[in-house]
Protein backbone atom coordinates (compact mmCIF):
# COMPACT_ATOMS: atom_id res chain seq x y z
CA MET A 1 25.64 -4.02 27.59
CA HIS A 2 22.17 -2.95 28.74
CA PRO A 3 19.88 -5.87 29.76
CA THR A 4 17.24 -4.79 27.22
CA THR A 5 19.82 -4.96 24.45
CA VAL A 6 20.91 -8.42 25.60
CA LEU A 7 17.31 -9.64 25.53
CA LEU A 8 16.77 -8.19 22.06
CA TRP A 9 19.82 -10.08 20.80
CA LEU A 10 18.88 -13.34 22.53
CA ILE A 11 15.24 -13.47 21.43
CA SER A 12 15.94 -12.35 17.85
CA LEU A 13 18.88 -14.68 17.23
CA ALA A 14 17.19 -17.60 19.01
CA SER A 15 14.11 -17.16 16.81
CA ILE A 16 16.21 -17.15 13.64
CA LEU A 17 18.19 -20.20 14.81
CA CYS A 18 15.01 -22.13 15.62
CA MET A 19 13.59 -21.12 12.25
CA LEU A 20 16.58 -22.79 10.59
CA LEU A 21 16.75 -25.90 12.79
CA ARG A 22 12.97 -26.41 13.29
CA PRO A 23 13.06 -28.01 16.78
CA TRP A 24 10.25 -30.53 17.33
CA ARG A 25 9.45 -30.07 13.61
CA VAL A 26 7.59 -26.84 14.32
CA SER A 27 7.15 -24.77 11.15
CA GLU A 28 9.63 -22.00 10.38
CA ALA A 29 6.81 -19.46 10.31
CA TRP A 30 5.89 -20.17 13.94
CA TRP A 31 9.42 -19.51 15.15
CA ALA A 32 9.83 -16.27 13.22
CA SER A 33 6.37 -14.83 13.94
CA GLY A 34 6.43 -16.21 17.50
CA GLY A 35 9.72 -14.51 18.28
CA ALA A 36 8.41 -11.28 16.78
CA SER A 37 5.23 -11.51 18.87
CA LEU A 38 7.27 -12.13 22.03
CA LEU A 39 9.31 -8.99 21.40
CA ILE A 40 6.15 -6.91 21.01
CA ILE A 41 4.23 -8.43 23.95
CA SER A 42 7.22 -8.03 26.27
CA GLY A 43 7.59 -4.39 25.31
CA LEU A 44 11.16 -4.90 24.12
CA LEU A 45 10.12 -3.61 20.70
CA PRO A 46 7.47 -0.84 20.52
CA TRP A 47 4.42 -2.04 18.63
CA ARG A 48 4.44 1.03 16.38
CA GLN A 49 7.98 0.22 15.27
CA ALA A 50 7.01 -3.42 14.73
CA ALA A 51 3.98 -2.38 12.67
CA ASN A 52 6.18 -0.10 10.60
CA ALA A 53 8.65 -2.97 10.03
CA VAL A 54 5.83 -5.25 8.87
CA GLY A 55 4.48 -2.52 6.59
CA GLN A 56 7.85 -2.08 4.91
CA GLY A 57 7.51 -5.58 3.51
CA LEU A 58 4.27 -4.96 1.58
CA ASP A 59 5.91 -5.14 -1.84
CA VAL A 60 7.71 -8.35 -0.86
CA TYR A 61 4.48 -9.99 0.39
CA LEU A 62 2.65 -9.10 -2.83
CA PHE A 63 5.55 -10.39 -4.94
CA LEU A 64 5.78 -13.66 -3.01
CA THR A 65 2.01 -14.16 -3.21
CA GLY A 66 1.98 -13.63 -6.96
CA MET A 67 4.94 -15.90 -7.62
CA MET A 68 3.59 -18.66 -5.36
CA ILE A 69 0.23 -18.58 -7.14
CA LEU A 70 1.91 -18.72 -10.56
CA ALA A 71 4.14 -21.60 -9.49
CA GLU A 72 1.21 -23.52 -8.02
CA ILE A 73 -0.84 -23.10 -11.21
CA ALA A 74 2.08 -24.48 -13.19
CA ARG A 75 2.50 -27.38 -10.77
CA LEU A 76 -1.17 -28.36 -10.84
CA GLU A 77 -1.33 -28.22 -14.63
CA ARG A 78 1.96 -30.14 -14.86
CA VAL A 79 3.79 -27.44 -16.83
CA PHE A 80 7.08 -28.22 -15.09
CA ASP A 81 6.64 -31.95 -15.68
CA TRP A 82 6.18 -31.15 -19.37
CA ALA A 83 9.29 -28.91 -19.46
CA ALA A 84 11.41 -31.53 -17.71
CA GLY A 85 10.04 -34.21 -20.04
CA ILE A 86 11.00 -32.13 -23.10
CA ALA A 87 14.52 -31.89 -21.71
CA ALA A 88 14.65 -35.65 -21.22
CA GLY A 89 13.36 -36.23 -24.74
CA HIS A 90 16.20 -34.15 -26.19
CA ALA A 91 18.84 -35.94 -24.10
CA ARG A 92 19.00 -38.74 -26.73
CA GLY A 93 20.19 -41.32 -24.24
CA SER A 94 22.99 -39.25 -22.72
CA PRO A 95 22.96 -38.56 -18.94
CA ARG A 96 25.36 -35.64 -19.46
CA ARG A 97 23.12 -34.05 -22.06
CA LEU A 98 20.12 -34.57 -19.77
CA PHE A 99 22.08 -32.92 -16.96
CA LEU A 100 22.83 -29.89 -19.15
CA LEU A 101 19.22 -29.59 -20.30
CA VAL A 102 17.87 -29.84 -16.73
CA TYR A 103 20.33 -27.12 -15.73
CA CYS A 104 19.13 -24.90 -18.58
CA VAL A 105 15.48 -25.41 -17.61
CA GLY A 106 16.46 -24.46 -14.05
CA ILE A 107 18.04 -21.23 -15.32
CA ALA A 108 14.85 -20.30 -17.20
CA VAL A 109 12.53 -21.09 -14.29
CA THR A 110 14.71 -19.23 -11.79
CA ALA A 111 15.11 -16.18 -14.02
CA LEU A 112 11.40 -15.86 -14.84
CA LEU A 113 9.62 -17.34 -11.81
CA SER A 114 12.12 -16.91 -8.92
CA ASN A 115 14.43 -19.35 -7.21
CA ASP A 116 11.69 -20.63 -4.92
CA ALA A 117 9.77 -22.01 -7.93
CA THR A 118 12.87 -23.91 -9.06
CA ALA A 119 13.40 -25.39 -5.61
CA VAL A 120 9.78 -26.28 -4.84
CA VAL A 121 8.12 -27.11 -8.16
CA LEU A 122 10.83 -27.97 -10.68
CA THR A 123 12.66 -30.32 -8.30
CA PRO A 124 9.84 -32.94 -8.03
CA ALA A 125 9.32 -32.77 -11.80
CA VAL A 126 13.02 -33.41 -12.45
CA LEU A 127 13.00 -36.25 -9.92
CA ALA A 128 10.09 -37.90 -11.76
CA VAL A 129 11.96 -37.64 -15.06
CA VAL A 130 15.26 -39.07 -13.78
CA ARG A 131 13.41 -41.93 -12.11
CA ARG A 132 11.82 -42.83 -15.43
CA ALA A 133 15.22 -42.48 -17.08
CA ARG A 134 16.72 -44.81 -14.43
CA VAL A 135 19.73 -42.60 -13.71
CA LYS A 136 21.16 -41.55 -10.36
CA PRO A 137 19.03 -38.60 -9.20
CA GLU A 138 21.53 -36.78 -6.97
CA PRO A 139 23.40 -34.76 -9.68
CA TYR A 140 20.15 -33.50 -11.20
CA LEU A 141 18.61 -32.62 -7.84
CA LEU A 142 21.75 -30.80 -6.70
CA ALA A 143 21.64 -28.89 -9.99
CA CYS A 144 18.10 -27.71 -9.15
CA ALA A 145 19.26 -26.44 -5.76
CA LEU A 146 22.42 -24.67 -6.87
CA ILE A 147 21.00 -23.05 -10.00
CA ALA A 148 18.14 -21.68 -7.89
CA ASN A 149 20.70 -19.44 -6.19
CA ALA A 150 23.33 -19.11 -8.94
CA ALA A 151 20.83 -17.67 -11.45
CA SER A 152 18.87 -15.61 -8.94
CA PHE A 153 20.28 -12.22 -9.90
CA ILE A 154 19.73 -12.48 -13.67
CA PHE A 155 16.57 -10.37 -13.31
CA PRO A 156 15.19 -8.39 -10.34
CA ILE A 157 12.28 -10.88 -10.24
CA SER A 158 14.55 -13.92 -9.92
CA ASN A 159 14.85 -13.78 -6.12
CA PRO A 160 12.67 -12.13 -3.43
CA ALA A 161 15.94 -11.21 -1.68
CA ASN A 162 16.58 -8.72 -4.50
CA LEU A 163 13.52 -6.74 -3.42
CA VAL A 164 14.57 -7.01 0.21
CA VAL A 165 18.08 -5.65 -0.38
CA TYR A 166 17.15 -2.75 -2.65
CA GLY A 167 13.61 -2.00 -1.46
CA GLN A 168 12.06 0.85 -3.45
CA GLY A 169 15.48 1.69 -4.89
CA ILE A 170 15.75 -1.43 -7.04
CA PRO A 171 17.47 -0.53 -10.35
CA PRO A 172 15.36 -0.51 -13.55
CA LEU A 173 15.78 -3.54 -15.79
CA LEU A 174 18.27 -2.11 -18.30
CA THR A 175 20.41 -0.70 -15.49
CA TRP A 176 20.12 -4.04 -13.68
CA LEU A 177 21.27 -5.98 -16.73
CA GLY A 178 24.16 -3.59 -17.24
CA ILE A 179 25.29 -4.33 -13.68
CA PHE A 180 24.45 -8.01 -13.18
CA LEU A 181 24.25 -9.75 -16.57
CA VAL A 182 27.96 -10.58 -16.86
CA PRO A 183 28.29 -11.56 -13.15
CA SER A 184 25.20 -13.78 -13.60
CA ILE A 185 26.76 -15.51 -16.58
CA ALA A 186 29.95 -16.08 -14.56
CA SER A 187 27.92 -17.47 -11.65
CA VAL A 188 25.89 -19.83 -13.85
CA VAL A 189 28.90 -21.10 -15.85
CA ILE A 190 31.23 -21.66 -12.88
CA THR A 191 28.47 -23.36 -10.86
CA PHE A 192 27.75 -25.68 -13.78
CA ALA A 193 31.44 -26.54 -14.14
CA CYS A 194 31.67 -27.37 -10.43
CA LEU A 195 28.52 -29.50 -10.57
CA LEU A 196 29.76 -31.34 -13.65
CA TRP A 197 33.15 -32.06 -12.07
CA HIS A 198 31.53 -33.17 -8.80
CA SER A 199 29.03 -35.46 -10.56
CA SER A 200 31.19 -36.78 -13.42
CA ALA A 201 31.31 -40.30 -12.00
CA SER A 202 27.50 -40.44 -11.83
CA LEU A 203 26.89 -39.17 -15.37
CA GLY A 204 28.44 -42.00 -17.32
CA GLY A 205 26.70 -44.66 -19.35
CA THR A 206 23.41 -44.20 -21.14
CA ILE A 207 19.77 -43.58 -20.23
CA GLU A 208 18.07 -46.97 -20.19
CA THR A 209 14.71 -45.67 -21.31
CA ASP A 210 14.14 -42.52 -23.29
CA PRO A 211 11.18 -41.06 -21.39
CA ALA A 212 8.58 -39.41 -23.60
CA PRO A 213 7.55 -35.93 -22.48
CA ALA A 214 4.24 -35.77 -20.65
CA PRO A 215 1.65 -34.18 -22.98
CA LEU A 216 0.52 -30.67 -22.11
CA THR A 217 -3.26 -30.41 -21.73
CA THR A 218 -5.32 -27.44 -22.91
CA GLU A 219 -5.36 -26.18 -19.33
CA GLY A 220 -1.60 -26.68 -19.21
CA ARG A 221 -1.14 -24.62 -22.37
CA LEU A 222 -3.28 -21.87 -20.84
CA ALA A 223 -1.18 -22.04 -17.66
CA LEU A 224 2.03 -21.82 -19.70
CA ALA A 225 0.67 -18.83 -21.63
CA GLY A 226 -0.30 -17.18 -18.34
CA LEU A 227 3.18 -17.77 -16.94
CA LEU A 228 4.87 -16.26 -19.99
CA LEU A 229 2.55 -13.24 -19.98
CA ALA A 230 3.14 -12.76 -16.25
CA ALA A 231 6.91 -12.95 -16.76
CA ALA A 232 6.66 -10.41 -19.58
CA ALA A 233 4.57 -8.07 -17.41
CA LEU A 234 7.05 -8.30 -14.54
CA ILE A 235 10.03 -7.70 -16.80
CA ALA A 236 8.22 -4.69 -18.33
CA SER A 237 7.48 -3.35 -14.83
CA SER A 238 11.13 -3.78 -13.95
CA ALA A 239 12.16 -1.98 -17.16
CA PHE A 240 10.17 1.08 -16.08
CA GLY A 241 11.49 0.93 -12.52
CA LEU A 242 8.07 0.14 -11.02
CA PRO A 243 7.57 -1.85 -7.79
CA LEU A 244 7.19 -5.54 -8.62
CA GLY A 245 4.76 -6.68 -5.92
CA ALA A 246 1.48 -5.42 -7.34
CA PRO A 247 2.24 -6.47 -10.96
CA ALA A 248 3.18 -9.97 -9.74
CA CYS A 249 -0.10 -10.31 -7.86
CA ILE A 250 -2.21 -8.93 -10.71
CA ALA A 251 -0.49 -11.17 -13.25
CA ALA A 252 -1.03 -14.24 -11.04
CA ILE A 253 -4.73 -13.48 -10.55
CA ALA A 254 -5.16 -12.92 -14.30
CA ALA A 255 -3.45 -16.25 -15.05
CA LEU A 256 -5.65 -17.98 -12.48
CA ILE A 257 -8.82 -16.56 -14.04
CA VAL A 258 -7.74 -17.66 -17.52
CA VAL A 259 -7.06 -21.25 -16.43
CA ALA A 260 -10.23 -21.31 -14.30
CA ALA A 261 -12.27 -20.70 -17.45
CA ARG A 262 -11.65 -24.37 -18.29
CA ASN A 263 -10.84 -25.82 -14.88
CA ARG A 264 -13.07 -24.34 -12.20
CA LYS A 265 -11.48 -26.39 -9.44
CA ILE A 266 -8.13 -24.69 -9.97
CA ILE A 267 -8.91 -21.71 -7.72
CA LEU A 268 -9.64 -23.86 -4.68
CA ASN A 269 -6.72 -26.17 -5.42
CA VAL A 270 -4.31 -23.25 -5.72
CA ALA A 271 -5.61 -21.77 -2.47
CA ARG A 272 -4.95 -25.10 -0.76
CA GLY A 273 -1.55 -25.68 -2.35
CA VAL A 274 0.14 -22.33 -1.81
CA SER A 275 2.44 -22.19 1.23
CA TRP A 276 0.77 -19.19 2.85
CA SER A 277 2.94 -19.61 5.95
CA VAL A 278 5.77 -17.98 4.00
CA LEU A 279 4.06 -14.60 4.46
CA PRO A 280 4.01 -14.53 8.30
CA LEU A 281 7.52 -16.00 8.19
CA VAL A 282 8.80 -13.04 6.17
CA ALA A 283 6.78 -10.53 8.23
CA GLY A 284 8.27 -11.99 11.40
CA LEU A 285 11.76 -11.63 9.94
CA PHE A 286 11.11 -7.95 9.23
CA VAL A 287 10.25 -7.47 12.91
CA LEU A 288 13.24 -9.50 14.14
CA VAL A 289 15.58 -7.46 11.96
CA ALA A 290 14.09 -4.24 13.38
CA ALA A 291 14.86 -5.57 16.86
CA LEU A 292 18.46 -6.40 15.89
CA GLN A 293 18.85 -2.90 14.52
CA ASN A 294 17.73 -1.51 17.90
CA ALA A 295 20.30 -3.79 19.53
CA GLY A 296 23.11 -2.11 17.62
CA LEU A 297 23.58 -4.37 14.60
CA LEU A 298 22.78 -1.59 12.13
CA GLY A 299 25.44 0.61 13.70
CA ALA A 300 28.00 -2.17 13.42
CA MET A 301 27.13 -2.72 9.75
CA LEU A 302 27.34 1.01 9.03
CA ALA A 303 30.79 1.07 10.63
CA GLY A 304 31.79 -1.89 8.49
CA LEU A 305 30.60 -0.18 5.30
CA ALA A 306 32.46 2.99 6.28
CA ALA A 307 35.66 0.96 6.75
CA LEU A 308 35.21 -0.75 3.39
CA GLY A 309 34.82 2.64 1.75
CA HIS A 310 38.49 3.36 2.47
CA LEU A 311 39.73 0.23 0.70
CA GLN A 312 40.57 -0.28 -2.96
CA PRO A 313 37.33 -1.02 -4.90
CA TRP A 314 38.35 -4.59 -5.83
CA LEU A 315 39.18 -5.40 -2.21
CA ALA A 316 36.08 -3.66 -0.84
CA LYS A 317 33.67 -5.50 -3.15
CA SER A 318 35.35 -8.84 -2.42
CA ALA A 319 35.23 -8.31 1.35
CA ALA A 320 31.59 -7.16 1.25
CA GLY A 321 30.43 -10.01 -1.01
CA PHE A 322 32.13 -12.78 0.96
CA ALA A 323 31.14 -11.31 4.35
CA VAL A 324 27.42 -11.30 3.57
CA ALA A 325 27.73 -14.69 1.82
CA LEU A 326 29.11 -16.27 4.99
CA ALA A 327 26.59 -14.41 7.16
CA SER A 328 23.76 -15.73 4.96
CA ASN A 329 24.80 -19.28 5.83
CA SER A 330 24.91 -18.54 9.55
CA MET A 331 21.45 -16.98 9.79
CA ASN A 332 19.77 -17.36 6.35
CA ASN A 333 19.97 -14.82 3.55
CA LEU A 334 16.54 -13.21 4.07
CA PRO A 335 17.38 -11.59 7.43
CA VAL A 336 20.90 -10.83 6.18
CA GLY A 337 19.38 -9.22 3.09
CA LEU A 338 17.01 -7.17 5.24
CA MET A 339 19.83 -5.92 7.46
CA SER A 340 22.10 -5.28 4.49
CA GLY A 341 19.37 -3.34 2.73
CA ALA A 342 18.82 -1.15 5.78
CA ALA A 343 22.56 -0.49 6.02
CA ILE A 344 22.80 0.34 2.29
CA ARG A 345 19.92 2.83 2.49
CA ALA A 346 21.40 4.47 5.59
CA ALA A 347 25.04 4.61 4.50
CA GLN A 348 24.48 5.00 0.72
CA PRO A 349 27.82 3.37 -0.15
CA SER A 350 29.29 3.32 -3.64
CA GLY A 351 27.21 1.41 -6.18
CA ILE A 352 29.71 -1.38 -6.67
CA LEU A 353 29.72 -2.09 -2.92
CA ALA A 354 25.93 -2.35 -2.78
CA HIS A 355 25.89 -4.61 -5.85
CA ALA A 356 28.57 -6.87 -4.35
CA ILE A 357 26.41 -7.24 -1.24
CA LEU A 358 23.44 -8.26 -3.40
CA ILE A 359 25.51 -10.94 -5.14
CA GLY A 360 26.75 -12.24 -1.78
CA VAL A 361 23.19 -12.43 -0.43
CA ASP A 362 21.92 -14.28 -3.52
CA LEU A 363 24.83 -16.61 -4.25
CA GLY A 364 26.20 -17.20 -0.73
CA PRO A 365 23.49 -19.76 0.20
CA ASN A 366 25.03 -22.27 -2.20
CA LEU A 367 27.42 -23.13 0.61
CA SER A 368 24.92 -24.75 2.98
CA VAL A 369 21.39 -26.05 2.79
CA THR A 370 20.10 -23.58 5.41
CA GLY A 371 21.47 -20.54 3.56
CA SER A 372 18.27 -19.51 1.80
CA LEU A 373 14.55 -20.16 1.93
CA ALA A 374 14.82 -21.75 -1.52
CA THR A 375 17.31 -24.42 -0.42
CA ILE A 376 15.31 -25.14 2.74
CA LEU A 377 12.20 -25.62 0.58
CA TRP A 378 14.24 -27.80 -1.80
CA LEU A 379 15.23 -30.06 1.09
CA ILE A 380 11.59 -30.30 2.25
CA ALA A 381 10.50 -31.18 -1.31
CA LEU A 382 13.05 -34.01 -1.40
CA ARG A 383 11.89 -35.40 1.93
CA ARG A 384 8.32 -35.49 0.65
CA GLU A 385 9.55 -37.62 -2.23
CA LYS A 386 11.43 -39.94 0.16
CA VAL A 387 14.83 -38.79 -1.17
CA GLU A 388 17.65 -38.05 1.24
CA ILE A 389 20.48 -35.67 0.34
CA THR A 390 22.25 -34.73 3.54
CA GLY A 391 23.38 -31.27 4.54
CA TRP A 392 26.93 -32.63 4.59
CA ALA A 393 26.67 -33.79 0.95
CA PHE A 394 25.42 -30.33 -0.02
CA PHE A 395 28.19 -28.64 1.97
CA LYS A 396 30.96 -30.74 0.36
CA LEU A 397 29.84 -29.49 -3.04
CA GLY A 398 29.14 -25.94 -1.90
CA LEU A 399 32.51 -25.64 -0.20
CA PHE A 400 34.19 -25.12 -3.56
CA ALA A 401 31.23 -24.28 -5.86
CA MET A 402 30.06 -21.22 -3.93
CA PRO A 403 33.44 -19.48 -3.35
CA LEU A 404 34.56 -20.04 -6.96
CA ALA A 405 31.28 -18.77 -8.44
CA LEU A 406 31.18 -15.82 -6.03
CA ALA A 407 34.80 -14.87 -6.74
CA ALA A 408 34.19 -15.03 -10.50
CA SER A 409 31.00 -12.94 -10.24
CA LEU A 410 32.68 -10.29 -8.12
CA LEU A 411 35.70 -10.24 -10.42
CA VAL A 412 33.56 -9.21 -13.40
CA LEU A 413 31.38 -6.80 -11.40
CA TRP A 414 32.55 -3.49 -12.81
CA ARG A 415 30.00 -0.97 -11.50
């Protein structure tokens, strides 16, 4: 192997590994963007190619920015606290009913606001509710993490990885629903069954106090209206097959202006609260993936897709879905989604094969806590709240929840 190729592999994979492990507690964005910068400065990756790789992510950056702004507005105006409180109020003293309602709220938030919103914003709200209810928090917090991935292919807007895999070729909404609605239902139902079985011992008894839902202020009602209008605009954009980045950003800015009419501090607070480091993190990943493609990874993936094309459809979709699911846990699903998307656009495999890859990218991270950005952010949110759920505890659940849900989703993927 040529020394340049070896260096491309080493720097790119080391950057992704450090992004996942965060040595010396250095932010993920520094490792991804730092590795990308090193490749450019050293001349291993031509700067024009790197600039082109960064430019390809424009729609993703706009989408992430819009969704982060919407989620932060909702967090500041306590919309998620209100939603979780409503769920607790309808639990009527039953931990199992509360568990089901929290899971349903997680489905709605993931479907309409993306899996990152469920992981980052809904999780602390759910934790506050279960603390008031005096029940064991682990089942409800694990539900937030797993539904963030299990429901993330209900709509195109439910996961930034969907934009990464399909790029400009993302299917319009009605086509999307025709492909993914039944697999999404299978994913959500099987994941819930696994969570319920895993947590059955912790869901007995009764809720000691029936926590009243936190009242929604006028600003909160405006924020909720803005969120619903933004979700409607994004779903409409998806229905017409339009790129989702610009509508997400416009909808977020419109919602911010509406809420700012009554709360002028909201603009500054949102600007402070949004995790802007996600943007250079994703841009760095685009560059790292371009370097891995130069090192021969794209060729290997194209060869793999060509080999799968000779198999029976049921075997090909199963092999593709499980392969990218496992790869997502070894190096995170965003870079895997980027590489898979490049391979799909180059090879143009059968539709069912591309759709199986998307499901593997979205659902695969339910195996380990480093599998997706959403689960990493979920873990960080827990640590801020002084709650410890280990990677091993997550893995023990994911070891059977992810393969069963993935197998069921792929089984009902018909086209």
